[in-house]
Amino acid sequence: MKELEGKVALVTGAGQGVGEGIALALAAEGVNVVVTGRTEEKLVKTVTAIVDRGGKALAVVCNVKSSTDLARAVNETISHFGRLNILVNNAQEVPNGLLNEVSDEVFTAGFESGPLATLRLMKLAYPHLKGDGCIVNLASTVAKRWDMSGYGAYAAVKEAIRSLTRAAACEWGADGIRTNVILPHAKSPGLVWWMANNPEEAEAFQASIPQGRVGECEEDIGRFVVQLCSEGSRYVNGQTIAVDGGQAQLG
């Protein structure tokens, strides 16, 4: 029997990219996965891939900016699978652009889909996670760039997620809940688009990764999340971990 078999995970933004990779990796270890996102067609694709591999999954259409949708996602998870052990906050609208160009609307969307949604969902999941729960939030190494031009608003919302993660780890550790945040580099649709449209910057970006490549959504990021949720990581709590091939120096 696999270590995580029978546990239940809720993964936001799981219809594509990193979220999908995490969902697939968890399902491969016997985790029942609730995949959420705004586009049902993408969610069905992820669920189908999991089921075709012999796993169990449930698709729940959910806009993380809606507190009603978040509550419904947790309720449907409990109703369908009877428990919730792992929460992965991955969904995020990205407020990129120079500070003078980022509108209030774009920044607010980044805040609502990032730190606010993360906090809301952690609080909704808290009663169910008590005892042996694991929360994995996603942030970014963008705040560690030597030149943050064009990335300030994005870094701001991602750094807020890091702060919330640390607070949850400190406040909920005694309740048997571990909370960590990862900063991944992976071939998500967003990064693939960025690399295609910014070839010179993308070439320099990839050259700055000691391992010389961008990570795979399932094999690199998803598999690490599996490890982070496993017994071997039971004493890892409140940490920021870059899963980026060695590019960022955290401090």
C-alpha atoms as a PDB file:
ATOM      1  CA  MET A   1       0.000   0.000   0.000  1.00  0.00           C
ATOM      2  CA  LYS A   2       1.299   3.432  -0.928  1.00  0.00           C
ATOM      3  CA  GLU A   3       1.944   5.806   1.947  1.00  0.00           C
ATOM      4  CA  LEU A   4      -0.579   8.454   0.875  1.00  0.00           C
ATOM      5  CA  GLU A   5      -3.171   6.026  -0.450  1.00  0.00           C
ATOM      6  CA  GLY A   6      -6.729   6.910   0.556  1.00  0.00           C
ATOM      7  CA  LYS A   7      -5.925  10.468   1.529  1.00  0.00           C
ATOM      8  CA  VAL A   8      -7.829  13.312  -0.111  1.00  0.00           C
ATOM      9  CA  ALA A   9      -6.348  16.434  -1.686  1.00  0.00           C
ATOM     10  CA  LEU A  10      -7.933  19.611  -3.004  1.00  0.00           C
ATOM     11  CA  VAL A  11      -5.827  21.345  -5.661  1.00  0.00           C
ATOM     12  CA  THR A  12      -6.793  24.745  -7.062  1.00  0.00           C
ATOM     13  CA  GLY A  13      -5.969  25.683 -10.635  1.00  0.00           C
ATOM     14  CA  ALA A  14      -5.610  22.001 -11.482  1.00  0.00           C
ATOM     15  CA  GLY A  15      -6.930  22.160 -15.023  1.00  0.00           C
ATOM     16  CA  GLN A  16      -3.513  22.794 -16.519  1.00  0.00           C
ATOM     17  CA  GLY A  17       0.142  23.472 -15.817  1.00  0.00           C
ATOM     18  CA  VAL A  18       1.623  23.150 -12.351  1.00  0.00           C
ATOM     19  CA  GLY A  19      -1.734  22.459 -10.700  1.00  0.00           C
ATOM     20  CA  GLU A  20      -2.441  19.632 -13.095  1.00  0.00           C
ATOM     21  CA  GLY A  21       1.055  18.242 -12.566  1.00  0.00           C
ATOM     22  CA  ILE A  22       0.582  18.258  -8.797  1.00  0.00           C
ATOM     23  CA  ALA A  23      -2.833  16.597  -9.098  1.00  0.00           C
ATOM     24  CA  LEU A  24      -1.436  13.849 -11.330  1.00  0.00           C
ATOM     25  CA  ALA A  25       1.533  13.213  -9.047  1.00  0.00           C
ATOM     26  CA  LEU A  26      -0.649  12.986  -5.943  1.00  0.00           C
ATOM     27  CA  ALA A  27      -3.111  10.669  -7.689  1.00  0.00           C
ATOM     28  CA  ALA A  28      -0.233   8.395  -8.720  1.00  0.00           C
ATOM     29  CA  GLU A  29       0.399   7.848  -5.001  1.00  0.00           C
ATOM     30  CA  GLY A  30      -3.192   6.789  -4.346  1.00  0.00           C
ATOM     31  CA  VAL A  31      -4.506  10.187  -3.254  1.00  0.00           C
ATOM     32  CA  ASN A  32      -8.115  10.985  -4.176  1.00  0.00           C
ATOM     33  CA  VAL A  33      -7.915  14.402  -5.805  1.00  0.00           C
ATOM     34  CA  VAL A  34     -10.460  17.195  -6.093  1.00  0.00           C
ATOM     35  CA  VAL A  35      -9.386  19.334  -9.034  1.00  0.00           C
ATOM     36  CA  THR A  36     -10.747  22.867  -9.154  1.00  0.00           C
ATOM     37  CA  GLY A  37     -10.547  25.683 -11.658  1.00  0.00           C
ATOM     38  CA  ARG A  38     -12.687  28.036 -13.699  1.00  0.00           C
ATOM     39  CA  THR A  39     -12.892  26.014 -16.920  1.00  0.00           C
ATOM     40  CA  GLU A  40     -14.804  22.738 -16.702  1.00  0.00           C
ATOM     41  CA  GLU A  41     -13.339  21.366 -19.932  1.00  0.00           C
ATOM     42  CA  LYS A  42      -9.809  21.604 -18.544  1.00  0.00           C
ATOM     43  CA  LEU A  43     -10.841  20.022 -15.246  1.00  0.00           C
ATOM     44  CA  VAL A  44     -12.486  17.101 -17.037  1.00  0.00           C
ATOM     45  CA  LYS A  45      -9.233  16.555 -18.948  1.00  0.00           C
ATOM     46  CA  THR A  46      -7.267  16.311 -15.697  1.00  0.00           C
ATOM     47  CA  VAL A  47      -9.843  14.021 -14.082  1.00  0.00           C
ATOM     48  CA  THR A  48      -9.870  11.783 -17.164  1.00  0.00           C
ATOM     49  CA  ALA A  49      -6.077  11.507 -17.067  1.00  0.00           C
ATOM     50  CA  ILE A  50      -6.205  10.506 -13.394  1.00  0.00           C
ATOM     51  CA  VAL A  51      -8.979   7.966 -13.902  1.00  0.00           C
ATOM     52  CA  ASP A  52      -7.231   6.486 -16.953  1.00  0.00           C
ATOM     53  CA  ARG A  53      -4.243   5.820 -14.697  1.00  0.00           C
ATOM     54  CA  GLY A  54      -6.436   4.043 -12.173  1.00  0.00           C
ATOM     55  CA  GLY A  55      -6.932   6.931  -9.748  1.00  0.00           C
ATOM     56  CA  LYS A  56      -9.948   8.720  -8.325  1.00  0.00           C
ATOM     57  CA  ALA A  57     -10.747  12.379  -8.888  1.00  0.00           C
ATOM     58  CA  LEU A  58     -13.575  14.882  -8.784  1.00  0.00           C
ATOM     59  CA  ALA A  59     -13.892  18.062 -10.842  1.00  0.00           C
ATOM     60  CA  VAL A  60     -15.344  21.131  -9.135  1.00  0.00           C
ATOM     61  CA  VAL A  61     -15.700  24.362 -11.096  1.00  0.00           C
ATOM     62  CA  CYS A  62     -14.458  27.100  -8.800  1.00  0.00           C
ATOM     63  CA  ASN A  63     -13.371  30.712  -9.166  1.00  0.00           C
ATOM     64  CA  VAL A  64     -11.021  31.247  -6.228  1.00  0.00           C
ATOM     65  CA  LYS A  65     -11.985  34.932  -6.091  1.00  0.00           C
ATOM     66  CA  SER A  66     -15.446  33.835  -4.946  1.00  0.00           C
ATOM     67  CA  SER A  67     -15.792  32.981  -1.259  1.00  0.00           C
ATOM     68  CA  THR A  68     -18.995  31.106  -2.138  1.00  0.00           C
ATOM     69  CA  ASP A  69     -17.170  28.943  -4.688  1.00  0.00           C
ATOM     70  CA  LEU A  70     -14.386  28.180  -2.227  1.00  0.00           C
ATOM     71  CA  ALA A  71     -16.844  27.076   0.455  1.00  0.00           C
ATOM     72  CA  ARG A  72     -18.687  24.916  -2.069  1.00  0.00           C
ATOM     73  CA  ALA A  73     -15.414  23.284  -3.181  1.00  0.00           C
ATOM     74  CA  VAL A  74     -14.594  22.248   0.386  1.00  0.00           C
ATOM     75  CA  ASN A  75     -18.163  21.076   1.015  1.00  0.00           C
ATOM     76  CA  GLU A  76     -18.198  18.977  -2.153  1.00  0.00           C
ATOM     77  CA  THR A  77     -14.833  17.481  -1.225  1.00  0.00           C
ATOM     78  CA  ILE A  78     -16.158  16.331   2.143  1.00  0.00           C
ATOM     79  CA  SER A  79     -19.474  15.201   0.674  1.00  0.00           C
ATOM     80  CA  HIS A  80     -17.827  13.117  -2.057  1.00  0.00           C
ATOM     81  CA  PHE A  81     -14.725  11.715  -0.334  1.00  0.00           C
ATOM     82  CA  GLY A  82     -15.564  12.173   3.359  1.00  0.00           C
ATOM     83  CA  ARG A  83     -12.318  13.855   4.356  1.00  0.00           C
ATOM     84  CA  LEU A  84      -9.645  16.386   3.417  1.00  0.00           C
ATOM     85  CA  ASN A  85      -5.971  15.811   4.209  1.00  0.00           C
ATOM     86  CA  ILE A  86      -4.022  17.909   1.713  1.00  0.00           C
ATOM     87  CA  LEU A  87      -4.688  21.432   0.439  1.00  0.00           C
ATOM     88  CA  VAL A  88      -2.718  22.897  -2.458  1.00  0.00           C
ATOM     89  CA  ASN A  89      -3.274  26.590  -3.203  1.00  0.00           C
ATOM     90  CA  ASN A  90      -1.993  26.988  -6.745  1.00  0.00           C
ATOM     91  CA  ALA A  91      -4.473  29.169  -8.668  1.00  0.00           C
ATOM     92  CA  GLN A  92      -3.362  32.758  -9.261  1.00  0.00           C
ATOM     93  CA  GLU A  93      -4.126  35.600 -11.653  1.00  0.00           C
ATOM     94  CA  VAL A  94      -0.796  37.261 -12.420  1.00  0.00           C
ATOM     95  CA  PRO A  95      -0.630  41.091 -12.147  1.00  0.00           C
ATOM     96  CA  ASN A  96       2.443  41.676 -14.316  1.00  0.00           C
ATOM     97  CA  GLY A  97       3.532  45.027 -15.686  1.00  0.00           C
ATOM     98  CA  LEU A  98       5.410  48.179 -14.776  1.00  0.00           C
ATOM     99  CA  LEU A  99       4.037  49.884 -11.674  1.00  0.00           C
ATOM    100  CA  ASN A 100       2.713  52.853 -13.671  1.00  0.00           C
ATOM    101  CA  GLU A 101       0.891  50.432 -15.970  1.00  0.00           C
ATOM    102  CA  VAL A 102      -0.673  48.022 -13.467  1.00  0.00           C
ATOM    103  CA  SER A 103      -4.301  49.013 -12.963  1.00  0.00           C
ATOM    104  CA  ASP A 104      -6.130  48.799  -9.671  1.00  0.00           C
ATOM    105  CA  GLU A 105      -8.369  46.152 -11.225  1.00  0.00           C
ATOM    106  CA  VAL A 106      -5.462  43.925 -12.258  1.00  0.00           C
ATOM    107  CA  PHE A 107      -3.704  44.266  -8.915  1.00  0.00           C
ATOM    108  CA  THR A 108      -6.930  43.625  -7.014  1.00  0.00           C
ATOM    109  CA  ALA A 109      -7.531  40.479  -9.082  1.00  0.00           C
ATOM    110  CA  GLY A 110      -4.033  39.289  -8.218  1.00  0.00           C
ATOM    111  CA  PHE A 111      -4.661  39.924  -4.531  1.00  0.00           C
ATOM    112  CA  GLU A 112      -8.102  38.307  -4.516  1.00  0.00           C
ATOM    113  CA  SER A 113      -6.968  35.203  -6.425  1.00  0.00           C
ATOM    114  CA  GLY A 114      -3.698  34.917  -4.499  1.00  0.00           C
ATOM    115  CA  PRO A 115      -3.329  35.776  -0.806  1.00  0.00           C
ATOM    116  CA  LEU A 116      -7.021  36.392  -0.100  1.00  0.00           C
ATOM    117  CA  ALA A 117      -8.122  33.132  -1.737  1.00  0.00           C
ATOM    118  CA  THR A 118      -5.280  31.287  -0.016  1.00  0.00           C
ATOM    119  CA  LEU A 119      -6.292  32.606   3.398  1.00  0.00           C
ATOM    120  CA  ARG A 120      -9.973  31.902   2.822  1.00  0.00           C
ATOM    121  CA  LEU A 121      -9.380  28.346   1.672  1.00  0.00           C
ATOM    122  CA  MET A 122      -6.932  27.561   4.464  1.00  0.00           C
ATOM    123  CA  LYS A 123      -9.521  28.715   7.017  1.00  0.00           C
ATOM    124  CA  LEU A 124     -12.282  26.694   5.349  1.00  0.00           C
ATOM    125  CA  ALA A 125     -10.090  23.586   5.252  1.00  0.00           C
ATOM    126  CA  TYR A 126      -8.695  24.003   8.773  1.00  0.00           C
ATOM    127  CA  PRO A 127     -11.363  21.969  10.663  1.00  0.00           C
ATOM    128  CA  HIS A 128     -10.868  19.047   8.281  1.00  0.00           C
ATOM    129  CA  LEU A 129      -7.066  19.194   8.235  1.00  0.00           C
ATOM    130  CA  LYS A 130      -6.639  19.052  12.011  1.00  0.00           C
ATOM    131  CA  GLY A 131      -4.708  16.009  13.127  1.00  0.00           C
ATOM    132  CA  ASP A 132      -2.670  15.096  10.065  1.00  0.00           C
ATOM    133  CA  GLY A 133      -3.186  17.863   7.512  1.00  0.00           C
ATOM    134  CA  CYS A 134      -0.735  19.297   5.035  1.00  0.00           C
ATOM    135  CA  ILE A 135      -1.011  22.628   3.242  1.00  0.00           C
ATOM    136  CA  VAL A 136       1.200  23.498   0.282  1.00  0.00           C
ATOM    137  CA  ASN A 137       0.946  27.058  -1.001  1.00  0.00           C
ATOM    138  CA  LEU A 138       2.595  28.322  -4.170  1.00  0.00           C
ATOM    139  CA  ALA A 139       4.537  31.558  -4.366  1.00  0.00           C
ATOM    140  CA  SER A 140       7.385  32.674  -6.602  1.00  0.00           C
ATOM    141  CA  THR A 141      11.082  33.507  -6.673  1.00  0.00           C
ATOM    142  CA  VAL A 142      10.216  36.680  -8.578  1.00  0.00           C
ATOM    143  CA  ALA A 143      10.805  38.786  -5.437  1.00  0.00           C
ATOM    144  CA  LYS A 144      14.424  37.577  -5.501  1.00  0.00           C
ATOM    145  CA  ARG A 145      15.150  39.010  -8.941  1.00  0.00           C
ATOM    146  CA  TRP A 146      17.963  41.548  -8.990  1.00  0.00           C
ATOM    147  CA  ASP A 147      15.815  43.676 -11.306  1.00  0.00           C
ATOM    148  CA  MET A 148      12.129  43.509 -10.429  1.00  0.00           C
ATOM    149  CA  SER A 149      11.030  45.942 -13.124  1.00  0.00           C
ATOM    150  CA  GLY A 150       7.668  44.753 -14.400  1.00  0.00           C
ATOM    151  CA  TYR A 151       7.227  42.221 -11.605  1.00  0.00           C
ATOM    152  CA  GLY A 152       6.565  44.336  -8.524  1.00  0.00           C
ATOM    153  CA  ALA A 153       2.813  43.776  -8.280  1.00  0.00           C
ATOM    154  CA  TYR A 154       3.190  40.043  -8.887  1.00  0.00           C
ATOM    155  CA  ALA A 155       5.935  39.781  -6.282  1.00  0.00           C
ATOM    156  CA  ALA A 156       3.796  41.691  -3.782  1.00  0.00           C
ATOM    157  CA  VAL A 157       0.901  39.230  -3.882  1.00  0.00           C
ATOM    158  CA  LYS A 158       3.198  36.214  -3.861  1.00  0.00           C
ATOM    159  CA  GLU A 159       5.179  37.518  -0.886  1.00  0.00           C
ATOM    160  CA  ALA A 160       1.885  37.966   0.978  1.00  0.00           C
ATOM    161  CA  ILE A 161       1.239  34.255   0.456  1.00  0.00           C
ATOM    162  CA  ARG A 162       4.618  33.475   1.985  1.00  0.00           C
ATOM    163  CA  SER A 163       3.728  35.510   5.082  1.00  0.00           C
ATOM    164  CA  LEU A 164       0.368  33.784   5.464  1.00  0.00           C
ATOM    165  CA  THR A 165       2.082  30.425   5.121  1.00  0.00           C
ATOM    166  CA  ARG A 166       4.527  31.171   7.908  1.00  0.00           C
ATOM    167  CA  ALA A 167       1.732  32.394  10.170  1.00  0.00           C
ATOM    168  CA  ALA A 168      -0.374  29.287   9.550  1.00  0.00           C
ATOM    169  CA  ALA A 169       2.600  27.061  10.293  1.00  0.00           C
ATOM    170  CA  CYS A 170       3.151  28.804  13.625  1.00  0.00           C
ATOM    171  CA  GLU A 171      -0.513  28.986  14.635  1.00  0.00           C
ATOM    172  CA  TRP A 172      -1.662  25.564  13.436  1.00  0.00           C
ATOM    173  CA  GLY A 173       1.401  23.375  13.960  1.00  0.00           C
ATOM    174  CA  ALA A 174       0.088  22.334  17.375  1.00  0.00           C
ATOM    175  CA  ASP A 175      -3.129  21.201  15.653  1.00  0.00           C
ATOM    176  CA  GLY A 176      -1.236  18.695  13.543  1.00  0.00           C
ATOM    177  CA  ILE A 177      -1.264  20.826  10.395  1.00  0.00           C
ATOM    178  CA  ARG A 178       1.947  21.493   8.479  1.00  0.00           C
ATOM    179  CA  THR A 179       2.043  24.487   6.127  1.00  0.00           C
ATOM    180  CA  ASN A 180       4.815  25.163   3.621  1.00  0.00           C
ATOM    181  CA  VAL A 181       5.253  27.229   0.488  1.00  0.00           C
ATOM    182  CA  ILE A 182       7.085  26.255  -2.694  1.00  0.00           C
ATOM    183  CA  LEU A 183       8.498  28.551  -5.358  1.00  0.00           C
ATOM    184  CA  PRO A 184       8.489  26.524  -8.568  1.00  0.00           C
ATOM    185  CA  HIS A 185       9.912  26.954 -12.034  1.00  0.00           C
ATOM    186  CA  ALA A 186       7.923  24.767 -14.414  1.00  0.00           C
ATOM    187  CA  LYS A 187       6.671  24.534 -17.967  1.00  0.00           C
ATOM    188  CA  SER A 188       3.250  25.970 -17.194  1.00  0.00           C
ATOM    189  CA  PRO A 189       1.285  27.493 -20.090  1.00  0.00           C
ATOM    190  CA  GLY A 190       2.053  30.941 -18.672  1.00  0.00           C
ATOM    191  CA  LEU A 191       5.807  30.400 -18.571  1.00  0.00           C
ATOM    192  CA  VAL A 192       5.850  28.721 -21.974  1.00  0.00           C
ATOM    193  CA  TRP A 193       4.018  31.750 -23.396  1.00  0.00           C
ATOM    194  CA  TRP A 194       6.406  34.157 -21.675  1.00  0.00           C
ATOM    195  CA  MET A 195       9.477  32.328 -22.990  1.00  0.00           C
ATOM    196  CA  ALA A 196       8.087  32.302 -26.530  1.00  0.00           C
ATOM    197  CA  ASN A 197       7.308  36.023 -26.430  1.00  0.00           C
ATOM    198  CA  ASN A 198      10.499  37.116 -24.654  1.00  0.00           C
ATOM    199  CA  PRO A 199      13.161  34.924 -26.289  1.00  0.00           C
ATOM    200  CA  GLU A 200      16.239  36.908 -25.249  1.00  0.00           C
ATOM    201  CA  GLU A 201      15.164  37.270 -21.619  1.00  0.00           C
ATOM    202  CA  ALA A 202      14.019  33.626 -21.610  1.00  0.00           C
ATOM    203  CA  GLU A 203      17.414  32.452 -22.850  1.00  0.00           C
ATOM    204  CA  ALA A 204      19.159  34.377 -20.071  1.00  0.00           C
ATOM    205  CA  PHE A 205      16.606  33.072 -17.570  1.00  0.00           C
ATOM    206  CA  GLN A 206      17.216  29.461 -18.486  1.00  0.00           C
ATOM    207  CA  ALA A 207      20.990  29.978 -18.519  1.00  0.00           C
ATOM    208  CA  SER A 208      20.776  31.230 -14.923  1.00  0.00           C
ATOM    209  CA  ILE A 209      19.378  27.876 -13.725  1.00  0.00           C
ATOM    210  CA  PRO A 210      22.301  25.708 -12.571  1.00  0.00           C
ATOM    211  CA  GLN A 211      20.589  22.548 -13.814  1.00  0.00           C
ATOM    212  CA  GLY A 212      20.102  24.236 -17.176  1.00  0.00           C
ATOM    213  CA  ARG A 213      16.405  23.558 -17.658  1.00  0.00           C
ATOM    214  CA  VAL A 214      12.923  24.557 -16.581  1.00  0.00           C
ATOM    215  CA  GLY A 215      11.157  21.962 -14.454  1.00  0.00           C
ATOM    216  CA  GLU A 216       8.421  19.578 -15.540  1.00  0.00           C
ATOM    217  CA  CYS A 217       5.014  20.190 -13.959  1.00  0.00           C
ATOM    218  CA  GLU A 218       4.420  16.611 -12.819  1.00  0.00           C
ATOM    219  CA  GLU A 219       7.827  14.964 -12.641  1.00  0.00           C
ATOM    220  CA  ASP A 220       9.631  17.822 -10.869  1.00  0.00           C
ATOM    221  CA  ILE A 221       7.059  19.992  -9.096  1.00  0.00           C
ATOM    222  CA  GLY A 222       4.322  17.422  -8.538  1.00  0.00           C
ATOM    223  CA  ARG A 223       6.700  14.763  -7.253  1.00  0.00           C
ATOM    224  CA  PHE A 224       8.215  17.237  -4.795  1.00  0.00           C
ATOM    225  CA  VAL A 225       4.770  18.087  -3.439  1.00  0.00           C
ATOM    226  CA  VAL A 226       4.211  14.364  -2.898  1.00  0.00           C
ATOM    227  CA  GLN A 227       7.417  14.224  -0.859  1.00  0.00           C
ATOM    228  CA  LEU A 228       6.413  17.311   1.116  1.00  0.00           C
ATOM    229  CA  CYS A 229       3.093  15.678   2.037  1.00  0.00           C
ATOM    230  CA  SER A 230       4.714  12.376   3.006  1.00  0.00           C
ATOM    231  CA  GLU A 231       5.824  11.052   6.378  1.00  0.00           C
ATOM    232  CA  GLY A 232       9.458  11.670   5.516  1.00  0.00           C
ATOM    233  CA  SER A 233       8.747  15.410   5.626  1.00  0.00           C
ATOM    234  CA  ARG A 234       6.713  15.333   8.834  1.00  0.00           C
ATOM    235  CA  TYR A 235       9.076  17.773  10.592  1.00  0.00           C
ATOM    236  CA  VAL A 236       9.112  20.305   7.728  1.00  0.00           C
ATOM    237  CA  ASN A 237       6.823  23.205   8.622  1.00  0.00           C
ATOM    238  CA  GLY A 238       6.685  26.912   7.835  1.00  0.00           C
ATOM    239  CA  GLN A 239       9.367  26.714   5.163  1.00  0.00           C
ATOM    240  CA  THR A 240       9.840  28.473   1.849  1.00  0.00           C
ATOM    241  CA  ILE A 241      11.361  26.021  -0.618  1.00  0.00           C
ATOM    242  CA  ALA A 242      12.498  26.963  -4.114  1.00  0.00           C
ATOM    243  CA  VAL A 243      11.914  24.113  -6.551  1.00  0.00           C
ATOM    244  CA  ASP A 244      13.795  25.801  -9.346  1.00  0.00           C
ATOM    245  CA  GLY A 245      16.916  23.848 -10.255  1.00  0.00           C
ATOM    246  CA  GLY A 246      19.071  25.988  -7.958  1.00  0.00           C
ATOM    247  CA  GLN A 247      18.433  29.409  -9.498  1.00  0.00           C
ATOM    248  CA  ALA A 248      17.274  31.384  -6.473  1.00  0.00           C
ATOM    249  CA  GLN A 249      19.343  31.969  -3.351  1.00  0.00           C
ATOM    250  CA  LEU A 250      16.860  32.381  -0.551  1.00  0.00           C
ATOM    251  CA  GLY A 251      17.749  34.346   2.536  1.00  0.00           C
END
